[in-house]
N, C-alpha and C. Protein backbone atom coordinates (compact mmCIF):
# COMPACT_ATOMS: atom_id res chain seq x y z
N MET A 1 92.28 93.49 85.15
CA MET A 1 92.90 94.71 84.86
C MET A 1 93.97 95.11 86.06
N THR A 2 94.66 95.88 86.29
CA THR A 2 95.22 96.26 87.44
C THR A 2 94.27 97.36 88.17
N GLU A 3 94.49 97.24 89.40
CA GLU A 3 93.86 98.70 90.05
C GLU A 3 94.83 100.02 89.77
N MET A 4 93.94 100.87 89.85
CA MET A 4 95.04 102.11 89.57
C MET A 4 95.29 102.88 91.51
N THR A 5 96.23 103.21 91.85
CA THR A 5 96.33 104.16 92.19
C THR A 5 97.56 105.21 92.76
N VAL A 6 97.22 106.22 93.41
CA VAL A 6 98.57 106.71 93.82
C VAL A 6 98.69 106.91 95.44
N HIS A 7 99.81 107.46 95.41
CA HIS A 7 100.83 106.85 96.60
C HIS A 7 101.32 108.57 97.46
N LEU A 8 101.07 108.25 98.99
CA LEU A 8 101.08 109.28 99.67
C LEU A 8 102.10 109.21 100.95
N THR A 9 103.28 109.62 100.52
CA THR A 9 104.31 109.51 101.59
C THR A 9 103.71 110.40 102.73
N ASP A 10 104.72 109.76 104.21
CA ASP A 10 104.65 110.39 105.66
C ASP A 10 104.31 111.57 105.25
N SER A 11 105.67 112.48 104.90
CA SER A 11 105.86 113.85 104.17
C SER A 11 104.46 114.56 104.20
N ALA A 12 104.10 113.48 103.10
CA ALA A 12 101.79 114.41 102.91
C ALA A 12 101.26 114.30 103.68
N VAL A 13 101.56 112.95 104.23
CA VAL A 13 100.17 112.50 105.41
C VAL A 13 100.44 113.58 106.58
N ALA A 14 102.02 113.99 106.99
CA ALA A 14 101.99 114.59 107.97
C ALA A 14 101.39 116.37 107.44
N ARG A 15 101.58 116.40 106.51
CA ARG A 15 101.05 117.94 105.47
C ARG A 15 99.67 118.31 106.39
N ILE A 16 99.07 117.48 105.64
CA ILE A 16 97.03 117.17 104.86
C ILE A 16 97.23 117.72 106.34
N LYS A 17 96.99 116.59 107.52
CA LYS A 17 97.10 116.86 109.18
C LYS A 17 97.25 117.68 109.26
N GLN A 18 98.07 118.77 108.96
CA GLN A 18 98.39 119.98 109.78
C GLN A 18 97.84 121.02 108.79
N LEU A 19 97.58 120.80 107.54
CA LEU A 19 96.24 121.78 106.93
C LEU A 19 95.04 121.43 108.00
N ARG A 20 95.09 120.60 108.02
CA ARG A 20 93.35 120.29 108.69
C ARG A 20 93.84 121.17 109.80
N GLU A 21 94.21 121.19 110.67
CA GLU A 21 94.60 121.47 112.05
C GLU A 21 94.54 123.25 111.90
N GLN A 22 95.13 123.13 110.88
CA GLN A 22 95.28 124.80 110.80
C GLN A 22 94.23 125.82 110.13
N GLU A 23 93.64 124.74 109.43
CA GLU A 23 91.89 125.48 108.87
C GLU A 23 91.36 125.96 109.80
N LYS A 24 91.52 124.56 110.84
CA LYS A 24 89.95 123.57 111.66
C LYS A 24 88.49 123.08 110.86
N ASN A 25 89.75 122.31 109.59
CA ASN A 25 88.62 121.42 109.54
C ASN A 25 89.10 120.41 108.96
N PRO A 26 88.38 119.13 109.87
CA PRO A 26 89.30 117.72 110.19
C PRO A 26 88.55 116.99 108.80
N ASN A 27 87.65 117.90 107.75
CA ASN A 27 87.06 117.19 106.69
C ASN A 27 87.65 117.44 105.46
N LEU A 28 89.05 118.43 105.62
CA LEU A 28 90.11 118.49 103.78
C LEU A 28 91.15 117.43 103.80
N LYS A 29 90.86 117.40 101.92
CA LYS A 29 91.26 116.41 100.97
C LYS A 29 92.01 117.20 100.31
N LEU A 30 93.55 116.48 100.39
CA LEU A 30 94.18 117.23 98.82
C LEU A 30 94.06 116.71 97.86
N ARG A 31 93.33 117.98 96.90
CA ARG A 31 92.82 116.94 95.72
C ARG A 31 93.88 117.33 94.72
N ILE A 32 94.13 116.00 93.64
CA ILE A 32 94.64 116.50 92.79
C ILE A 32 94.13 115.94 91.42
N CYS A 33 94.27 117.40 90.15
CA CYS A 33 93.75 116.80 88.92
C CYS A 33 94.66 117.27 87.32
N ILE A 34 94.06 116.70 86.78
CA ILE A 34 95.27 117.10 85.48
C ILE A 34 95.03 117.90 84.29
N ASP A 35 95.12 119.08 84.01
CA ASP A 35 94.57 119.97 83.26
C ASP A 35 95.47 120.00 82.03
N GLY A 36 95.21 120.41 80.92
CA GLY A 36 95.48 120.48 79.35
C GLY A 36 96.25 121.88 79.47
N GLY A 37 98.10 122.34 79.05
CA GLY A 37 98.27 123.25 79.31
C GLY A 37 99.84 123.22 79.88
N GLY A 38 100.66 124.14 80.49
CA GLY A 38 101.69 123.86 81.21
C GLY A 38 102.73 124.58 79.89
N CYS A 39 103.57 123.73 80.34
CA CYS A 39 105.10 124.09 79.58
C CYS A 39 105.27 122.49 78.63
N SER A 40 104.66 122.04 79.57
CA SER A 40 104.98 120.23 78.81
C SER A 40 103.62 119.80 78.15
N GLY A 41 102.93 120.19 78.02
CA GLY A 41 101.28 119.70 77.68
C GLY A 41 100.61 119.32 78.99
N PHE A 42 100.96 118.90 79.98
CA PHE A 42 99.25 118.96 80.91
C PHE A 42 100.22 119.43 82.39
N GLN A 43 99.41 120.14 82.95
CA GLN A 43 100.03 120.44 84.57
C GLN A 43 98.59 120.44 85.36
N TYR A 44 99.98 120.11 86.58
CA TYR A 44 98.56 119.64 87.64
C TYR A 44 97.98 120.79 88.74
N GLY A 45 97.09 120.17 89.07
CA GLY A 45 96.56 121.43 89.29
C GLY A 45 96.08 120.61 91.25
N ILE A 46 96.63 121.72 91.89
CA ILE A 46 96.39 120.77 94.01
C ILE A 46 95.52 121.80 94.03
N ALA A 47 94.54 121.37 95.67
CA ALA A 47 93.82 122.07 96.32
C ALA A 47 93.44 120.94 97.76
N LEU A 48 93.51 122.42 98.08
CA LEU A 48 92.63 121.37 99.57
C LEU A 48 91.07 121.69 99.17
N VAL A 49 90.56 120.68 99.57
CA VAL A 49 88.75 120.25 99.52
C VAL A 49 88.04 119.72 100.75
N ASP A 50 86.87 119.92 101.19
CA ASP A 50 85.71 119.32 102.01
C ASP A 50 84.96 118.91 101.26
N ALA A 51 85.13 118.51 99.97
CA ALA A 51 83.90 117.40 99.85
C ALA A 51 84.41 116.67 98.17
N VAL A 52 83.75 115.16 98.37
CA VAL A 52 84.02 114.79 97.16
C VAL A 52 83.23 114.47 95.87
N ALA A 53 83.42 114.93 94.54
CA ALA A 53 82.69 114.65 93.97
C ALA A 53 81.76 113.20 93.39
N ASP A 54 81.13 113.23 92.79
CA ASP A 54 80.84 111.62 92.28
C ASP A 54 81.86 110.74 91.85
N ASP A 55 82.09 111.40 90.85
CA ASP A 55 83.06 110.97 89.78
C ASP A 55 84.35 110.78 89.66
N GLU A 56 84.40 111.36 91.42
CA GLU A 56 86.34 111.09 92.54
C GLU A 56 86.37 109.66 92.89
N VAL A 57 87.81 109.75 92.85
CA VAL A 57 88.02 108.39 93.39
C VAL A 57 89.13 109.07 94.43
N THR A 58 89.10 107.96 95.54
CA THR A 58 90.18 108.62 97.21
C THR A 58 90.45 107.74 97.34
N PHE A 59 92.19 107.90 98.00
CA PHE A 59 92.97 107.45 98.65
C PHE A 59 93.25 107.63 99.98
N GLU A 60 93.73 106.67 100.73
CA GLU A 60 93.70 106.81 102.11
C GLU A 60 95.14 105.95 102.71
N LYS A 61 95.52 107.43 103.20
CA LYS A 61 97.36 106.20 103.80
C LYS A 61 96.66 107.12 105.16
N ASP A 62 96.98 106.32 105.88
CA ASP A 62 96.91 106.78 107.95
C ASP A 62 96.26 108.12 107.63
N GLY A 63 94.72 108.15 107.68
CA GLY A 63 94.06 108.77 108.13
C GLY A 63 93.62 110.29 106.90
N ALA A 64 94.71 110.22 106.29
CA ALA A 64 94.72 110.99 105.01
C ALA A 64 94.07 110.56 103.60
N ILE A 65 93.52 111.78 103.05
CA ILE A 65 93.06 111.60 101.90
C ILE A 65 93.07 112.14 100.80
N LEU A 66 93.74 112.01 99.34
CA LEU A 66 94.01 111.88 98.45
C LEU A 66 92.97 111.96 97.54
N VAL A 67 92.55 112.93 96.43
CA VAL A 67 91.37 113.33 95.39
C VAL A 67 91.49 113.16 94.48
N THR A 68 91.14 112.32 93.58
CA THR A 68 91.51 112.89 92.03
C THR A 68 89.92 112.40 91.22
N ASP A 69 90.28 112.84 90.09
CA ASP A 69 88.71 112.52 89.45
C ASP A 69 89.31 111.48 88.61
N GLU A 70 87.50 110.51 88.12
CA GLU A 70 88.39 109.05 86.73
C GLU A 70 89.87 109.95 85.32
N THR A 71 88.81 110.93 85.01
CA THR A 71 90.26 111.56 83.94
C THR A 71 91.27 111.79 84.01
N SER A 72 91.79 112.19 85.46
CA SER A 72 93.48 112.59 85.88
C SER A 72 93.89 110.81 86.60
N LEU A 73 93.04 110.34 86.64
CA LEU A 73 93.70 109.25 87.52
C LEU A 73 94.79 108.15 86.39
N PRO A 74 94.19 108.14 85.39
CA PRO A 74 95.29 107.59 84.30
C PRO A 74 96.34 108.04 84.16
N PHE A 75 96.64 109.71 84.00
CA PHE A 75 97.79 110.61 84.30
C PHE A 75 98.95 109.99 85.66
N ILE A 76 98.19 110.01 86.00
CA ILE A 76 98.60 109.94 87.36
C ILE A 76 98.78 108.91 88.49
N ASN A 77 98.26 107.50 87.28
CA ASN A 77 98.22 106.10 88.27
C ASN A 77 99.77 105.41 88.63
N GLY A 78 100.02 105.28 89.65
CA GLY A 78 101.70 105.01 90.70
C GLY A 78 102.00 105.96 90.24
N ALA A 79 101.76 107.41 90.86
CA ALA A 79 102.54 108.58 91.05
C ALA A 79 103.15 108.32 92.61
N THR A 80 103.61 109.04 92.99
CA THR A 80 104.01 109.36 94.73
C THR A 80 103.79 110.71 94.79
N VAL A 81 102.90 110.82 95.57
CA VAL A 81 102.55 112.76 96.42
C VAL A 81 103.65 113.18 97.77
N ASP A 82 104.40 113.18 97.12
CA ASP A 82 105.36 113.92 98.73
C ASP A 82 104.98 115.39 99.23
N PHE A 83 105.82 116.24 99.94
CA PHE A 83 105.46 116.80 100.81
C PHE A 83 107.15 117.14 100.78
N GLU A 84 107.97 118.03 100.36
CA GLU A 84 109.36 118.45 100.14
C GLU A 84 109.16 120.21 100.81
N ARG A 85 109.94 120.24 101.08
CA ARG A 85 111.00 121.39 102.60
C ARG A 85 112.13 121.34 101.72
N SER A 86 112.25 123.42 101.41
CA SER A 86 113.49 123.55 101.20
C SER A 86 113.43 124.56 101.93
N MET A 87 114.73 125.92 101.52
CA MET A 87 115.05 126.92 102.26
C MET A 87 114.26 127.67 101.51
N VAL A 88 114.54 127.66 100.33
CA VAL A 88 113.01 128.85 99.58
C VAL A 88 111.36 127.69 98.93
N LYS A 89 111.64 126.82 99.32
CA LYS A 89 109.79 127.26 99.25
C LYS A 89 109.90 125.43 99.67
N SER A 90 108.54 125.64 100.47
CA SER A 90 107.93 123.82 100.97
C SER A 90 106.47 123.73 99.56
N ALA A 91 106.49 122.51 98.75
CA ALA A 91 105.32 122.20 98.43
C ALA A 91 105.11 120.62 98.42
N PHE A 92 104.08 120.43 97.81
CA PHE A 92 103.66 119.12 97.46
C PHE A 92 104.70 118.99 95.59
N LYS A 93 104.83 118.03 95.83
CA LYS A 93 105.63 117.32 94.78
C LYS A 93 105.00 115.72 94.28
N ILE A 94 104.56 115.54 93.11
CA ILE A 94 104.27 114.38 92.45
C ILE A 94 105.34 113.77 91.67
N HIS A 95 105.92 112.44 91.84
CA HIS A 95 106.46 112.10 91.51
C HIS A 95 105.99 110.91 90.56
N ASN A 96 105.87 111.29 88.90
CA ASN A 96 104.69 110.46 88.49
C ASN A 96 105.70 110.20 87.55
N PRO A 97 105.56 108.20 87.50
CA PRO A 97 106.13 107.25 86.97
C PRO A 97 105.52 107.70 85.29
N ASN A 98 104.55 107.96 84.66
CA ASN A 98 103.63 108.52 83.26
C ASN A 98 104.52 109.44 82.76
N ALA A 99 105.25 110.49 83.51
CA ALA A 99 105.66 111.71 82.68
C ALA A 99 106.87 111.74 82.32
N ALA A 100 106.75 111.35 80.88
CA ALA A 100 108.15 111.49 79.54
C ALA A 100 108.97 112.42 79.76
N SER A 101 108.28 113.70 80.50
CA SER A 101 108.97 114.44 80.33
C SER A 101 108.57 116.02 81.33
N GLY A 102 109.43 116.82 81.50
CA GLY A 102 108.72 117.61 82.22
C GLY A 102 108.94 119.03 82.18
N CYS A 103 108.74 120.59 83.18
CA CYS A 103 109.30 121.15 83.14
C CYS A 103 109.94 121.70 84.90
N GLY A 104 111.08 122.86 84.08
CA GLY A 104 111.83 123.07 85.35
C GLY A 104 110.94 123.31 87.08
N CYS A 105 109.54 123.61 86.47
CA CYS A 105 108.52 124.13 88.13
C CYS A 105 108.12 123.39 88.81
N GLY A 106 107.89 121.71 88.15
CA GLY A 106 107.66 120.86 88.52
C GLY A 106 105.85 120.53 88.38
N LYS A 107 105.71 121.39 87.64
CA LYS A 107 103.77 121.59 87.43
C LYS A 107 103.03 121.38 86.72
N SER A 108 104.34 121.03 85.82
CA SER A 108 103.85 120.43 84.36
C SER A 108 104.25 119.26 83.92
N PHE A 109 104.26 118.95 82.77
CA PHE A 109 104.83 117.77 82.37
C PHE A 109 104.31 116.94 81.09
N GLY A 110 104.41 115.67 80.02
CA GLY A 110 104.41 115.96 79.13
C GLY A 110 104.33 114.07 79.36
N VAL A 111 103.68 113.27 78.31
CA VAL A 111 103.41 112.06 77.98
C VAL A 111 103.70 111.47 77.35
């Protein structure tokens, strides 16, 4: 069986580290979970946390850590998490190869 993974871009790593400094909390991690709902069937939940639960999996790049739970992992396996800046907004963006459809807001998807 192939090992599941989620990738962080350099931009996402830099943003996580920047948020750690802003919050003065070196333990902050980016948590991504999948919940039912949204325009397309599933929606991404993104939060900063400083603890990891026993049923969660972590992925690390250059000292930045992404956390997800075992239930969400199959939905985002192989995804790349980026931090994108534009004139209108800046946000973490998930490029998910498992998403067959998505909505315009980028916060929900269908499989």
